[in-house]
N, C-alpha and C. Protein backbone atom coordinates (compact mmCIF):
# COMPACT_ATOMS: atom_id res chain seq x y z
N MET A 1 107.01 24.60 176.70
CA MET A 1 106.90 25.91 176.52
C MET A 1 105.39 26.32 175.51
N LYS A 2 104.72 26.81 175.98
CA LYS A 2 103.53 27.40 175.00
C LYS A 2 103.86 28.45 173.89
N PRO A 3 103.50 28.19 172.76
CA PRO A 3 104.07 28.94 171.70
C PRO A 3 103.14 30.28 171.65
N LEU A 4 103.51 31.40 171.56
CA LEU A 4 103.29 32.61 171.30
C LEU A 4 102.32 32.73 170.41
N HIS A 5 101.08 33.66 170.60
CA HIS A 5 100.25 34.13 169.45
C HIS A 5 100.85 35.31 168.72
N ILE A 6 100.54 35.11 167.53
CA ILE A 6 101.43 36.24 166.51
C ILE A 6 100.76 37.75 166.98
N ALA A 7 99.89 37.79 167.44
CA ALA A 7 99.77 39.07 168.40
C ALA A 7 100.19 39.61 169.32
N GLU A 8 100.68 38.33 170.30
CA GLU A 8 101.37 38.69 171.38
C GLU A 8 102.92 39.29 170.95
N CYS A 9 103.02 38.65 170.04
CA CYS A 9 104.63 38.58 169.39
C CYS A 9 104.53 40.08 168.92
N VAL A 10 103.89 40.74 168.30
CA VAL A 10 103.98 41.99 167.38
C VAL A 10 103.51 42.76 168.78
N ARG A 11 102.77 42.76 169.57
CA ARG A 11 102.52 43.47 170.53
C ARG A 11 103.98 43.88 171.68
N THR A 12 104.74 42.65 171.70
CA THR A 12 105.73 42.67 172.54
C THR A 12 106.73 43.45 171.86
N ASN A 13 107.15 43.00 170.38
CA ASN A 13 108.28 44.03 169.74
C ASN A 13 107.60 45.38 169.34
N VAL A 14 106.54 45.48 169.46
CA VAL A 14 106.20 47.10 169.33
C VAL A 14 106.79 47.98 170.23
N GLU A 15 106.30 47.43 171.88
CA GLU A 15 106.39 47.86 172.79
C GLU A 15 107.83 47.79 173.18
N GLY A 16 108.78 46.85 172.96
CA GLY A 16 110.40 47.00 172.62
C GLY A 16 110.73 48.39 171.76
N TYR A 17 110.23 48.49 170.37
CA TYR A 17 111.03 49.16 169.59
C TYR A 17 110.25 50.93 170.13
N LEU A 18 109.17 51.11 170.39
CA LEU A 18 109.12 52.25 171.48
C LEU A 18 109.61 52.59 172.62
N SER A 19 110.14 51.57 173.39
CA SER A 19 110.71 51.56 174.61
C SER A 19 112.09 52.30 174.05
N ASP A 20 112.78 51.20 173.16
CA ASP A 20 114.23 51.67 172.52
C ASP A 20 114.54 53.10 171.93
N LEU A 21 113.23 53.91 171.66
CA LEU A 21 112.97 55.13 171.19
C LEU A 21 113.61 55.88 171.91
N GLY A 22 113.07 55.68 173.46
CA GLY A 22 113.34 56.48 174.54
C GLY A 22 112.31 57.64 174.23
N HIS A 23 112.91 58.74 174.22
CA HIS A 23 112.13 59.98 174.57
C HIS A 23 111.75 60.66 172.99
N SER A 24 112.20 59.97 172.08
CA SER A 24 112.29 60.46 170.65
C SER A 24 110.82 59.75 170.18
N GLU A 25 110.11 60.70 169.06
CA GLU A 25 108.77 60.17 168.80
C GLU A 25 108.81 59.06 167.56
N PRO A 26 108.08 58.27 167.50
CA PRO A 26 108.28 57.56 166.17
C PRO A 26 107.71 58.00 165.03
N ASP A 27 107.93 57.52 163.75
CA ASP A 27 107.38 58.44 162.46
C ASP A 27 106.80 57.30 161.65
N GLY A 28 106.08 57.05 161.06
CA GLY A 28 105.81 56.06 159.90
C GLY A 28 105.75 54.67 160.56
N MET A 29 105.46 54.36 161.57
CA MET A 29 105.42 53.22 162.11
C MET A 29 104.33 52.08 161.70
N TYR A 30 103.22 52.40 161.21
CA TYR A 30 102.23 51.75 160.36
C TYR A 30 102.86 51.19 159.13
N ASN A 31 103.29 51.92 158.17
CA ASN A 31 103.89 51.48 156.99
C ASN A 31 105.28 50.34 157.46
N MET A 32 106.09 50.98 158.34
CA MET A 32 106.86 50.26 158.54
C MET A 32 106.91 48.90 159.06
N LEU A 33 105.61 48.48 159.80
CA LEU A 33 105.24 47.41 160.29
C LEU A 33 104.76 46.47 159.30
N ILE A 34 103.93 47.21 158.56
CA ILE A 34 103.20 46.35 157.68
C ILE A 34 104.49 45.55 156.77
N SER A 35 105.62 46.61 156.09
CA SER A 35 106.28 46.11 154.87
C SER A 35 107.31 44.96 155.79
N VAL A 36 107.47 44.95 157.55
CA VAL A 36 108.05 44.00 157.92
C VAL A 36 107.44 43.02 158.35
N VAL A 37 106.40 42.86 158.29
CA VAL A 37 105.67 41.85 158.39
C VAL A 37 105.17 41.03 157.12
N GLU A 38 105.10 42.09 156.08
CA GLU A 38 104.71 41.56 154.86
C GLU A 38 105.60 40.50 153.83
N LYS A 39 106.60 40.73 154.14
CA LYS A 39 107.88 40.25 153.37
C LYS A 39 108.09 38.68 153.76
N PRO A 40 108.39 38.90 154.98
CA PRO A 40 108.49 37.33 155.67
C PRO A 40 107.34 36.44 155.36
N LEU A 41 105.86 36.93 155.53
CA LEU A 41 104.87 36.24 155.48
C LEU A 41 104.53 35.92 154.03
N LEU A 42 104.63 36.57 152.60
CA LEU A 42 105.40 36.31 151.70
C LEU A 42 106.23 35.18 151.50
N GLU A 43 107.35 35.53 152.02
CA GLU A 43 108.17 34.59 151.67
C GLU A 43 107.85 32.85 152.17
N VAL A 44 107.18 32.88 153.09
CA VAL A 44 106.45 31.42 153.69
C VAL A 44 105.81 31.06 153.03
N VAL A 45 104.51 31.96 152.64
CA VAL A 45 103.48 31.31 151.77
C VAL A 45 103.96 30.85 150.65
N MET A 46 104.87 31.59 149.99
CA MET A 46 105.02 31.44 148.26
C MET A 46 105.96 29.81 148.42
N GLN A 47 106.77 29.91 149.48
CA GLN A 47 107.66 28.61 149.48
C GLN A 47 106.74 27.24 149.92
N ARG A 48 105.61 27.85 150.74
CA ARG A 48 104.84 26.49 151.03
C ARG A 48 104.12 26.32 149.98
N ALA A 49 103.68 27.09 148.99
CA ALA A 49 102.68 26.91 147.99
C ALA A 49 103.72 26.57 146.91
N ASP A 50 104.94 26.14 147.02
CA ASP A 50 105.78 25.66 145.90
C ASP A 50 105.81 27.08 144.62
N ASN A 51 105.81 28.14 144.88
CA ASN A 51 106.04 29.14 144.25
C ASN A 51 104.89 29.36 143.17
N ASN A 52 103.67 28.52 143.68
CA ASN A 52 102.51 28.99 142.95
C ASN A 52 101.65 30.29 143.26
N GLN A 53 101.80 31.24 142.49
CA GLN A 53 101.24 32.77 142.84
C GLN A 53 99.45 32.46 142.82
N SER A 54 98.84 31.50 142.16
CA SER A 54 97.42 31.41 142.10
C SER A 54 97.10 30.64 143.68
N LYS A 55 97.84 29.89 143.90
CA LYS A 55 97.61 29.01 145.48
C LYS A 55 97.85 30.01 146.45
N ALA A 56 99.20 30.67 146.37
CA ALA A 56 99.31 31.45 147.46
C ALA A 56 98.35 32.79 147.32
N ALA A 57 98.05 33.37 146.50
CA ALA A 57 96.86 34.23 146.40
C ALA A 57 95.69 33.84 147.12
N GLN A 58 95.07 32.65 146.79
CA GLN A 58 94.05 32.34 147.46
C GLN A 58 94.19 31.95 148.99
N TRP A 59 95.41 31.19 149.06
CA TRP A 59 95.55 31.09 150.61
C TRP A 59 95.78 32.74 151.59
N LEU A 60 96.16 33.44 150.73
CA LEU A 60 96.28 34.92 151.64
C LEU A 60 95.03 35.46 151.43
N GLY A 61 94.25 35.08 150.88
CA GLY A 61 92.87 36.13 150.39
C GLY A 61 93.18 37.16 149.50
N LEU A 62 93.95 37.28 148.27
CA LEU A 62 94.61 38.19 147.79
C LEU A 62 94.00 37.68 146.38
N ASN A 63 93.81 39.02 145.30
CA ASN A 63 93.62 38.67 144.20
C ASN A 63 95.29 38.42 143.41
N ARG A 64 95.22 37.38 142.60
CA ARG A 64 96.56 37.33 142.30
C ARG A 64 97.55 38.39 141.53
N ASN A 65 96.68 39.29 141.09
CA ASN A 65 97.47 40.61 140.48
C ASN A 65 98.33 41.23 141.65
N THR A 66 97.24 41.09 142.74
CA THR A 66 97.78 42.02 144.08
C THR A 66 98.88 41.42 144.56
N LEU A 67 98.87 40.00 144.74
CA LEU A 67 100.12 39.38 145.12
C LEU A 67 101.20 39.65 144.25
N ARG A 68 101.02 39.30 143.01
CA ARG A 68 102.25 39.57 142.15
C ARG A 68 102.87 40.70 142.15
N LYS A 69 101.83 42.03 142.51
CA LYS A 69 102.71 43.43 142.82
C LYS A 69 103.60 43.16 144.09
N LYS A 70 102.83 42.72 145.12
CA LYS A 70 103.63 42.96 146.31
C LYS A 70 104.67 42.10 146.35
N LEU A 71 104.92 40.88 145.42
CA LEU A 71 106.03 40.39 145.56
C LEU A 71 106.92 41.17 144.60
N LEU A 72 106.77 41.94 143.71
CA LEU A 72 107.47 43.07 143.18
C LEU A 72 107.74 43.97 144.02
N GLU A 73 107.34 44.34 145.07
CA GLU A 73 107.52 45.40 145.89
C GLU A 73 108.71 45.06 146.80
N HIS A 74 108.42 43.59 147.11
CA HIS A 74 109.43 43.22 148.12
C HIS A 74 110.64 42.62 147.60
N LYS A 75 110.77 42.86 146.06
CA LYS A 75 111.73 41.99 145.18
C LYS A 75 112.00 40.64 145.62
N LEU A 76 110.96 39.92 145.75
CA LEU A 76 110.80 38.46 145.78
C LEU A 76 110.62 38.00 144.21
N ILE A 77 110.43 38.55 143.29
CA ILE A 77 110.51 38.11 141.91
C ILE A 77 110.78 39.31 140.64
N ASP A 78 111.51 38.91 140.05
CA ASP A 78 111.90 39.90 138.90
C ASP A 78 110.76 40.24 138.05
């Protein structure tokens, strides 16, 4: 079985979300989706980087302070 590209997974899930809403209109989808995707991305990258924030920030193309802020926002560090 061929693995799905991330964009295909996102597209399928967004379509399913909108379908599940029926006739209701979505609100705040962009922030919701970014938050939902960002947390597991940070979790996986931090785990693979052995919790080394400098390494993880480099992999993500972020400033280390920005990464730290995002880790705090998602309650992944104290």
